[in-house]
Amino acid sequence: MNRVLIYVQHLLGVGHLHRTAAIARALVRDGFETMLVSGGYPDTTLDRLDGIQFRQLPPARAADASFRIILDAHGNQVDEAWWQSRRAALFALSDGFKPDAVLTELFPFARRPMRHELLPWLAHLHEMQPRPLIYSSVRDILVDRPKPQRDLDALNWLRSYYDGAFVHGDPTLIPFERTFPLATTVQDLLIYTGYIVEHAPARATSDGRDEVLVSAGGGAVGLPLFHAAIAARPLSQAKDATWRLLVSPMEAPDAVAELKARSPAGVIVDQARPDFPAMLQHCRLSISKAGYNTVMETLHARARAVIVPFAGGDETEQALRAELLAARGAMAYLRESELTPQSLAAAIDRALAAPKPQDSHVDLDGAAHTARLLREKLALRKNPIAR
């Protein structure tokens, strides 16, 4: 049985962890022995890890949306002793597991602060006998990077340490070079998989039926959207529907208490839930940020939707994805800078008046494709004559 180790570090929201978990599940279904190594804070909404060896590193998160300062489990800025501890943990995990292949989520294209542990670990993996195949696992869109040297570093690290990069996107929607211009120089290393989305909901549920679902992913960035939604409800054509606010456990308890106090009858303040994809299947409307996972789950469910992309810090990824999908007529789009109860109500009415979305013509089979492609790469390595 081939063994695959996946490394993921979520710093603000938990979307990265959920996306890599979906890949891990696909690998298990395809017969791989799979270890998922997470460096972020533990996530209570992550489930269905049967068959996956889940390992938690000493957790870290970003201090804010700039991602410039990394904090440890106690809220202190990490120091060299902390990095040494994490490096030792990574070395021990890979030495014990002896993977045939390793995937690093986002790195080397992003997660630059984690280079303090990843570059030594990648060098260590190259010394293993036999050396595992090493691939980057990267989403469709990168955040704008103000310093060109960062792109050059990513390119050099890719060439030095990696066998290729699985790009979890569809070039018919957006090619990788749109946000990583140097991709044109390494086209031979880029492998498009399609988008990652769970095709089987976590569990069936009647919750969400004919409801307006308001969500903001797994980070602590949703309160403006939730408050705007409460105020927009009586102004919209969905004023008689039940509205359900799905709040991240990362939000401050006092802020959640205030949200509940301000919610009138007909508005449910709920926690972010692993059965959210199942709820999308029969909701009246989804109102959300434009994170990768939520958008792809919404496309798969063919749900009517309004997306308000997160634009904090240096974030540009969600706005670009929202613009592209709105141009296809897949979702109604509202800029975060224009978010008011009135503008949100108008966007809701546009989405409800539009025909129910049909096939988006975007490849949503990325998890299965990733497993198949990795199996093919490993088979070619064992039998190079088959090339």
Protein backbone atom coordinates (compact mmCIF):
# COMPACT_ATOMS: atom_id res chain seq x y z
CA MET A 1 0.00 0.00 0.00
CA ASN A 2 1.42 3.40 -1.00
CA ARG A 3 1.82 5.88 1.85
CA VAL A 4 1.09 9.60 1.45
CA LEU A 5 1.81 12.32 4.02
CA ILE A 6 -0.05 15.64 3.64
CA TYR A 7 1.12 18.77 5.47
CA VAL A 8 -1.32 21.65 5.99
CA GLN A 9 -1.03 24.88 7.97
CA HIS A 10 -4.18 26.97 8.36
CA LEU A 11 -3.47 30.38 9.88
CA LEU A 12 -6.77 32.27 9.88
CA GLY A 13 -9.74 30.18 8.73
CA VAL A 14 -10.00 26.40 8.51
CA GLY A 15 -10.74 26.07 4.79
CA HIS A 16 -7.24 24.84 4.03
CA LEU A 17 -7.58 22.05 6.57
CA HIS A 18 -10.97 20.96 5.21
CA ARG A 19 -9.72 20.97 1.62
CA THR A 20 -6.73 18.79 2.46
CA ALA A 21 -8.99 16.51 4.51
CA ALA A 22 -11.14 16.02 1.39
CA ILE A 23 -8.01 15.05 -0.54
CA ALA A 24 -6.98 12.69 2.26
CA ARG A 25 -10.41 10.99 2.17
CA ALA A 26 -10.08 10.53 -1.59
CA LEU A 27 -6.65 8.99 -1.14
CA VAL A 28 -8.00 6.55 1.47
CA ARG A 29 -10.86 5.61 -0.88
CA ASP A 30 -8.25 4.95 -3.58
CA GLY A 31 -6.32 2.58 -1.32
CA PHE A 32 -3.55 4.85 0.00
CA GLU A 33 -2.32 4.76 3.58
CA THR A 34 -2.69 8.43 4.42
CA MET A 35 -1.32 10.68 7.17
CA LEU A 36 -2.68 14.23 7.53
CA VAL A 37 -0.39 16.53 9.53
CA SER A 38 -1.98 19.79 10.68
CA GLY A 39 -0.10 22.75 12.10
CA GLY A 40 -3.12 24.99 12.79
CA TYR A 41 -5.39 25.30 15.78
CA PRO A 42 -7.65 22.24 16.29
CA ASP A 43 -10.98 22.50 14.48
CA THR A 44 -14.12 21.09 16.12
CA THR A 45 -16.01 21.01 12.81
CA LEU A 46 -13.56 18.61 11.16
CA ASP A 47 -14.98 15.10 11.00
CA ARG A 48 -14.94 11.91 8.91
CA LEU A 49 -11.29 11.11 9.50
CA ASP A 50 -11.87 7.35 9.49
CA GLY A 51 -8.92 5.64 7.88
CA ILE A 52 -6.77 8.80 8.04
CA GLN A 53 -3.86 9.01 10.46
CA PHE A 54 -4.36 12.54 11.78
CA ARG A 55 -1.42 14.17 13.55
CA GLN A 56 -1.49 17.56 15.28
CA LEU A 57 1.69 19.64 15.43
CA PRO A 58 2.13 22.29 18.14
CA PRO A 59 -0.54 24.67 16.82
CA ALA A 60 0.02 28.10 15.33
CA ARG A 61 -2.14 30.86 13.92
CA ALA A 62 -1.68 34.30 12.39
CA ALA A 63 -2.07 37.35 14.62
CA ASP A 64 -4.18 39.04 11.92
CA ALA A 65 -5.02 38.99 8.23
CA SER A 66 -1.56 40.29 7.28
CA PHE A 67 -0.10 36.86 8.24
CA ARG A 68 3.13 38.58 9.25
CA ILE A 69 3.17 37.50 12.92
CA ILE A 70 2.73 33.85 13.91
CA LEU A 71 1.40 33.03 17.37
CA ASP A 72 1.70 29.79 19.32
CA ALA A 73 -0.99 27.98 21.30
CA HIS A 74 -0.64 30.49 24.15
CA GLY A 75 -0.93 33.58 21.95
CA ASN A 76 2.78 34.36 22.08
CA GLN A 77 4.85 35.16 19.03
CA VAL A 78 6.81 32.07 18.03
CA ASP A 79 10.57 31.99 18.62
CA GLU A 80 13.46 29.82 17.47
CA ALA A 81 12.87 27.24 20.21
CA TRP A 82 9.31 26.81 18.94
CA TRP A 83 10.54 26.34 15.36
CA GLN A 84 13.03 23.75 16.55
CA SER A 85 10.24 21.84 18.27
CA ARG A 86 8.08 21.85 15.15
CA ARG A 87 10.97 20.80 12.91
CA ALA A 88 11.76 17.92 15.23
CA ALA A 89 8.12 16.82 15.18
CA LEU A 90 8.00 16.88 11.37
CA PHE A 91 11.25 14.94 11.07
CA ALA A 92 9.97 12.31 13.50
CA LEU A 93 6.63 11.93 11.75
CA SER A 94 8.13 11.45 8.29
CA ASP A 95 10.89 9.16 9.56
CA GLY A 96 8.33 6.95 11.29
CA PHE A 97 5.76 6.94 8.49
CA LYS A 98 8.24 6.59 5.59
CA PRO A 99 5.96 8.14 2.98
CA ASP A 100 6.11 7.27 -0.70
CA ALA A 101 4.77 10.73 -1.48
CA VAL A 102 4.43 14.03 0.37
CA LEU A 103 2.04 16.92 -0.34
CA THR A 104 2.58 20.38 1.14
CA GLU A 105 -0.53 22.54 1.04
CA LEU A 106 0.11 25.99 -0.52
CA PHE A 107 3.89 25.97 0.03
CA PRO A 108 6.10 27.01 -1.76
CA PHE A 109 3.66 29.43 -3.41
CA ALA A 110 2.35 30.73 -0.07
CA ARG A 111 2.71 30.13 3.68
CA ARG A 112 6.11 31.81 3.45
CA PRO A 113 6.47 32.18 7.26
CA MET A 114 6.50 28.37 7.52
CA ARG A 115 9.72 28.18 5.48
CA HIS A 116 11.61 28.06 8.78
CA GLU A 117 10.40 24.49 9.24
CA LEU A 118 9.53 23.44 5.70
CA LEU A 119 12.83 24.11 3.94
CA PRO A 120 14.85 22.03 6.45
CA TRP A 121 12.16 19.33 6.33
CA LEU A 122 12.16 19.25 2.52
CA ALA A 123 15.94 18.89 2.57
CA HIS A 124 15.54 16.05 5.08
CA LEU A 125 12.99 14.32 2.83
CA HIS A 126 15.49 14.45 -0.04
CA GLU A 127 17.96 12.51 2.11
CA MET A 128 15.50 9.67 2.75
CA GLN A 129 16.08 6.36 0.98
CA PRO A 130 14.05 5.99 -1.09
CA ARG A 131 13.19 9.66 -1.46
CA PRO A 132 9.43 10.29 -1.52
CA LEU A 133 7.83 12.08 -4.43
CA ILE A 134 7.09 15.64 -3.30
CA TYR A 135 4.24 17.76 -4.67
CA SER A 136 2.78 21.10 -3.79
CA SER A 137 -1.00 21.11 -3.30
CA VAL A 138 -2.12 24.60 -4.25
CA ARG A 139 -5.49 26.26 -4.82
CA ASP A 140 -6.53 28.03 -8.02
CA ILE A 141 -5.78 31.63 -6.99
CA LEU A 142 -2.90 33.14 -5.05
CA VAL A 143 -3.06 36.37 -3.07
CA ASP A 144 -1.24 39.33 -4.62
CA ARG A 145 2.35 39.49 -3.44
CA PRO A 146 3.89 42.98 -3.34
CA LYS A 147 7.50 41.79 -3.52
CA PRO A 148 8.64 40.07 -6.76
CA GLN A 149 11.37 38.23 -4.85
CA ARG A 150 8.71 36.10 -3.19
CA ASP A 151 7.63 34.70 -6.55
CA LEU A 152 11.26 34.03 -7.45
CA ASP A 153 11.80 32.25 -4.13
CA ALA A 154 8.70 30.12 -4.71
CA LEU A 155 9.92 29.21 -8.19
CA ASN A 156 13.39 28.29 -6.92
CA TRP A 157 12.01 26.18 -4.07
CA LEU A 158 9.65 24.41 -6.46
CA ARG A 159 12.51 23.53 -8.81
CA SER A 160 14.85 22.55 -5.97
CA TYR A 161 12.61 20.34 -3.86
CA TYR A 162 9.44 19.36 -5.75
CA ASP A 163 8.46 16.89 -8.42
CA GLY A 164 5.53 19.08 -9.39
CA ALA A 165 2.49 21.00 -8.19
CA PHE A 166 -1.11 19.84 -8.14
CA VAL A 167 -3.15 22.94 -8.97
CA HIS A 168 -6.63 22.43 -7.54
CA GLY A 169 -8.48 24.46 -10.11
CA ASP A 170 -9.80 24.47 -13.65
CA PRO A 171 -7.87 26.51 -16.23
CA THR A 172 -11.10 27.16 -18.13
CA LEU A 173 -12.17 29.31 -15.18
CA ILE A 174 -8.76 30.73 -14.25
CA PRO A 175 -5.29 29.58 -15.29
CA PHE A 176 -2.68 29.52 -12.54
CA GLU A 177 -0.50 32.09 -14.33
CA ARG A 178 -3.26 34.68 -13.79
CA THR A 179 -2.05 35.09 -10.20
CA PHE A 180 1.41 33.49 -10.48
CA PRO A 181 2.93 34.92 -13.68
CA LEU A 182 6.11 32.83 -13.40
CA ALA A 183 3.99 29.71 -13.88
CA THR A 184 4.67 30.01 -17.61
CA THR A 185 8.28 28.98 -16.94
CA VAL A 186 7.33 25.77 -15.10
CA GLN A 187 4.34 24.53 -17.07
CA ASP A 188 5.89 21.05 -17.12
CA LEU A 189 5.59 20.93 -13.31
CA LEU A 190 1.96 22.08 -13.06
CA ILE A 191 -0.83 19.49 -13.01
CA TYR A 192 -4.43 20.72 -12.93
CA THR A 193 -6.71 18.47 -10.92
CA GLY A 194 -10.03 20.30 -11.00
CA TYR A 195 -11.61 21.78 -7.88
CA ILE A 196 -11.76 19.97 -4.55
CA VAL A 197 -15.28 19.41 -3.26
CA GLU A 198 -16.95 16.66 -1.24
CA HIS A 199 -19.49 14.94 -3.47
CA ALA A 200 -21.09 13.04 -0.61
CA PRO A 201 -22.42 15.35 2.15
CA ALA A 202 -21.23 14.54 5.65
CA ARG A 203 -24.71 13.43 6.67
CA ALA A 204 -28.31 13.97 5.65
CA THR A 205 -30.18 16.70 7.51
CA SER A 206 -33.50 18.48 7.25
CA ASP A 207 -31.95 21.63 8.76
CA GLY A 208 -31.56 24.37 6.21
CA ARG A 209 -34.55 23.34 4.11
CA ASP A 210 -35.92 26.44 2.40
CA GLU A 211 -33.79 28.55 4.74
CA VAL A 212 -31.43 31.43 4.01
CA LEU A 213 -27.99 30.23 5.16
CA VAL A 214 -25.48 32.91 6.15
CA SER A 215 -21.90 31.69 6.62
CA ALA A 216 -18.42 33.15 6.75
CA GLY A 217 -16.05 30.19 6.80
CA GLY A 218 -14.01 29.07 9.76
CA GLY A 219 -12.20 32.28 10.68
CA ALA A 220 -13.16 35.14 12.97
CA VAL A 221 -14.13 37.48 10.13
CA GLY A 222 -17.88 37.01 9.80
CA LEU A 223 -19.51 39.48 12.20
CA PRO A 224 -20.00 42.36 9.71
CA LEU A 225 -21.73 39.99 7.31
CA PHE A 226 -23.93 38.49 10.04
CA HIS A 227 -25.04 41.90 11.34
CA ALA A 228 -25.72 43.13 7.81
CA ALA A 229 -27.77 40.01 7.12
CA ILE A 230 -29.95 40.53 10.19
CA ALA A 231 -30.65 44.11 9.10
CA ALA A 232 -31.18 43.11 5.44
CA ARG A 233 -33.74 40.40 6.18
CA PRO A 234 -36.84 42.63 6.53
CA LEU A 235 -35.80 44.57 3.41
CA SER A 236 -35.57 41.50 1.17
CA GLN A 237 -37.93 39.17 -0.66
CA ALA A 238 -36.82 36.45 1.76
CA LYS A 239 -38.12 38.25 4.84
CA ASP A 240 -40.59 35.47 5.63
CA ALA A 241 -38.00 32.67 5.45
CA THR A 242 -36.04 31.28 8.37
CA TRP A 243 -32.50 32.63 8.33
CA ARG A 244 -29.69 30.59 9.87
CA LEU A 245 -26.38 32.22 10.78
CA LEU A 246 -23.55 29.66 10.85
CA VAL A 247 -20.94 31.21 13.13
CA SER A 248 -17.32 30.10 13.36
CA PRO A 249 -16.11 28.82 16.76
CA MET A 250 -13.23 31.28 16.28
CA GLU A 251 -15.54 34.26 16.87
CA ALA A 252 -15.34 35.85 20.32
CA PRO A 253 -18.03 34.52 22.72
CA ASP A 254 -19.11 38.05 23.70
CA ALA A 255 -19.60 38.97 20.05
CA VAL A 256 -21.67 35.83 19.45
CA ALA A 257 -23.80 36.62 22.51
CA GLU A 258 -24.45 40.10 21.13
CA LEU A 259 -25.37 38.59 17.77
CA LYS A 260 -27.91 36.31 19.44
CA ALA A 261 -29.37 39.23 21.41
CA ARG A 262 -29.88 41.21 18.20
CA SER A 263 -31.46 38.31 16.27
CA PRO A 264 -35.25 38.57 15.95
CA ALA A 265 -37.73 35.70 15.68
CA GLY A 266 -37.06 33.71 12.52
CA VAL A 267 -33.27 34.10 12.78
CA ILE A 268 -31.30 31.16 14.19
CA VAL A 269 -27.74 31.70 15.41
CA ASP A 270 -26.06 28.34 14.93
CA GLN A 271 -22.47 27.09 14.87
CA ALA A 272 -20.54 26.29 11.73
CA ARG A 273 -21.45 22.68 10.97
CA PRO A 274 -19.85 19.78 9.11
CA ASP A 275 -23.20 19.08 7.41
CA PHE A 276 -23.21 22.51 5.75
CA PRO A 277 -22.83 20.93 2.25
CA ALA A 278 -25.97 18.87 2.89
CA MET A 279 -27.84 21.99 3.99
CA LEU A 280 -26.85 23.74 0.77
CA GLN A 281 -28.62 21.03 -1.21
CA HIS A 282 -32.05 22.28 -0.11
CA CYS A 283 -31.63 25.86 1.12
CA ARG A 284 -33.51 28.77 -0.42
CA LEU A 285 -30.38 30.90 -0.64
CA SER A 286 -26.76 30.94 0.57
CA ILE A 287 -25.08 34.18 1.66
CA SER A 288 -21.36 33.74 2.27
CA LYS A 289 -17.82 34.86 1.81
CA ALA A 290 -16.11 33.64 -1.36
CA GLY A 291 -13.67 31.16 0.14
CA TYR A 292 -12.61 28.24 -2.03
CA ASN A 293 -14.48 25.52 -0.13
CA THR A 294 -17.76 27.35 0.35
CA VAL A 295 -17.92 28.47 -3.27
CA MET A 296 -17.20 25.01 -4.64
CA GLU A 297 -19.72 23.39 -2.29
CA THR A 298 -22.29 25.95 -3.40
CA LEU A 299 -21.59 25.28 -7.09
CA HIS A 300 -21.87 21.54 -6.50
CA ALA A 301 -25.21 21.99 -4.70
CA ARG A 302 -26.45 24.32 -7.47
CA ALA A 303 -27.76 26.65 -4.81
CA ARG A 304 -28.75 30.24 -5.38
CA ALA A 305 -26.13 32.38 -3.71
CA VAL A 306 -24.86 35.84 -2.82
CA ILE A 307 -21.12 36.05 -2.22
CA VAL A 308 -19.39 38.87 -0.33
CA PRO A 309 -15.66 38.16 -0.65
CA PHE A 310 -13.37 38.77 2.30
CA ALA A 311 -11.05 41.69 1.56
CA GLY A 312 -9.15 42.15 4.84
CA GLY A 313 -5.37 42.57 5.00
CA ASP A 314 -3.77 41.88 1.60
CA GLU A 315 -6.48 39.43 0.52
CA THR A 316 -7.34 39.48 -3.20
CA GLU A 317 -8.07 35.80 -3.79
CA GLN A 318 -11.76 35.78 -2.85
CA ALA A 319 -12.60 38.93 -4.80
CA LEU A 320 -11.12 37.55 -8.01
CA ARG A 321 -12.95 34.24 -7.63
CA ALA A 322 -16.21 36.08 -6.96
CA GLU A 323 -15.81 38.29 -10.03
CA LEU A 324 -15.12 35.32 -12.30
CA LEU A 325 -18.13 33.34 -11.08
CA ALA A 326 -20.44 36.36 -11.14
CA ALA A 327 -19.41 36.97 -14.76
CA ARG A 328 -20.61 33.43 -15.53
CA GLY A 329 -23.92 34.15 -13.84
CA ALA A 330 -23.28 31.48 -11.21
CA MET A 331 -23.75 33.75 -8.17
CA ALA A 332 -24.69 37.29 -7.21
CA TYR A 333 -21.66 39.30 -6.10
CA LEU A 334 -21.35 42.17 -3.62
CA ARG A 335 -18.07 43.83 -2.68
CA GLU A 336 -17.29 43.87 1.03
CA SER A 337 -16.62 47.63 0.83
CA GLU A 338 -20.20 48.11 -0.45
CA LEU A 339 -21.85 45.91 2.17
CA THR A 340 -24.88 47.58 3.75
CA PRO A 341 -28.27 46.15 4.71
CA GLN A 342 -29.76 47.82 1.63
CA SER A 343 -27.14 46.61 -0.84
CA LEU A 344 -27.28 43.09 0.60
CA ALA A 345 -31.08 43.00 0.34
CA ALA A 346 -30.85 44.11 -3.30
CA ALA A 347 -28.30 41.35 -4.05
CA ILE A 348 -30.54 38.80 -2.33
CA ASP A 349 -33.49 39.83 -4.47
CA ARG A 350 -31.39 39.56 -7.65
CA ALA A 351 -30.26 36.06 -6.70
CA LEU A 352 -33.80 34.91 -5.87
CA ALA A 353 -35.18 36.32 -9.11
CA ALA A 354 -32.56 34.56 -11.23
CA PRO A 355 -33.07 31.00 -12.53
CA LYS A 356 -31.75 28.26 -10.25
CA PRO A 357 -28.10 27.60 -11.21
CA GLN A 358 -27.45 24.66 -13.48
CA ASP A 359 -24.17 23.00 -14.46
CA SER A 360 -21.33 25.47 -13.89
CA HIS A 361 -19.13 23.63 -16.44
CA VAL A 362 -16.30 23.74 -13.91
CA ASP A 363 -14.40 20.55 -13.06
CA LEU A 364 -15.38 19.65 -9.47
CA ASP A 365 -13.77 16.18 -9.32
CA GLY A 366 -10.40 17.39 -8.06
CA ALA A 367 -10.08 15.09 -5.04
CA ALA A 368 -10.54 11.91 -7.07
CA HIS A 369 -8.31 13.24 -9.85
CA THR A 370 -5.56 14.03 -7.32
CA ALA A 371 -5.61 10.44 -6.01
CA ARG A 372 -5.56 9.01 -9.53
CA LEU A 373 -2.74 11.30 -10.67
CA LEU A 374 -0.64 10.52 -7.62
CA ARG A 375 -1.11 6.80 -8.14
CA GLU A 376 0.01 7.20 -11.75
CA LYS A 377 3.11 9.18 -10.70
CA LEU A 378 4.08 6.53 -8.18
CA ALA A 379 3.52 3.73 -10.70
CA LEU A 380 5.74 5.48 -13.24
CA ARG A 381 8.47 5.84 -10.66
CA LYS A 382 8.38 2.13 -9.88
CA ASN A 383 8.20 1.20 -13.57
CA PRO A 384 9.94 3.96 -15.55
CA ILE A 385 9.87 1.83 -18.71
CA ALA A 386 6.09 2.44 -18.79
CA ARG A 387 6.82 6.02 -19.78
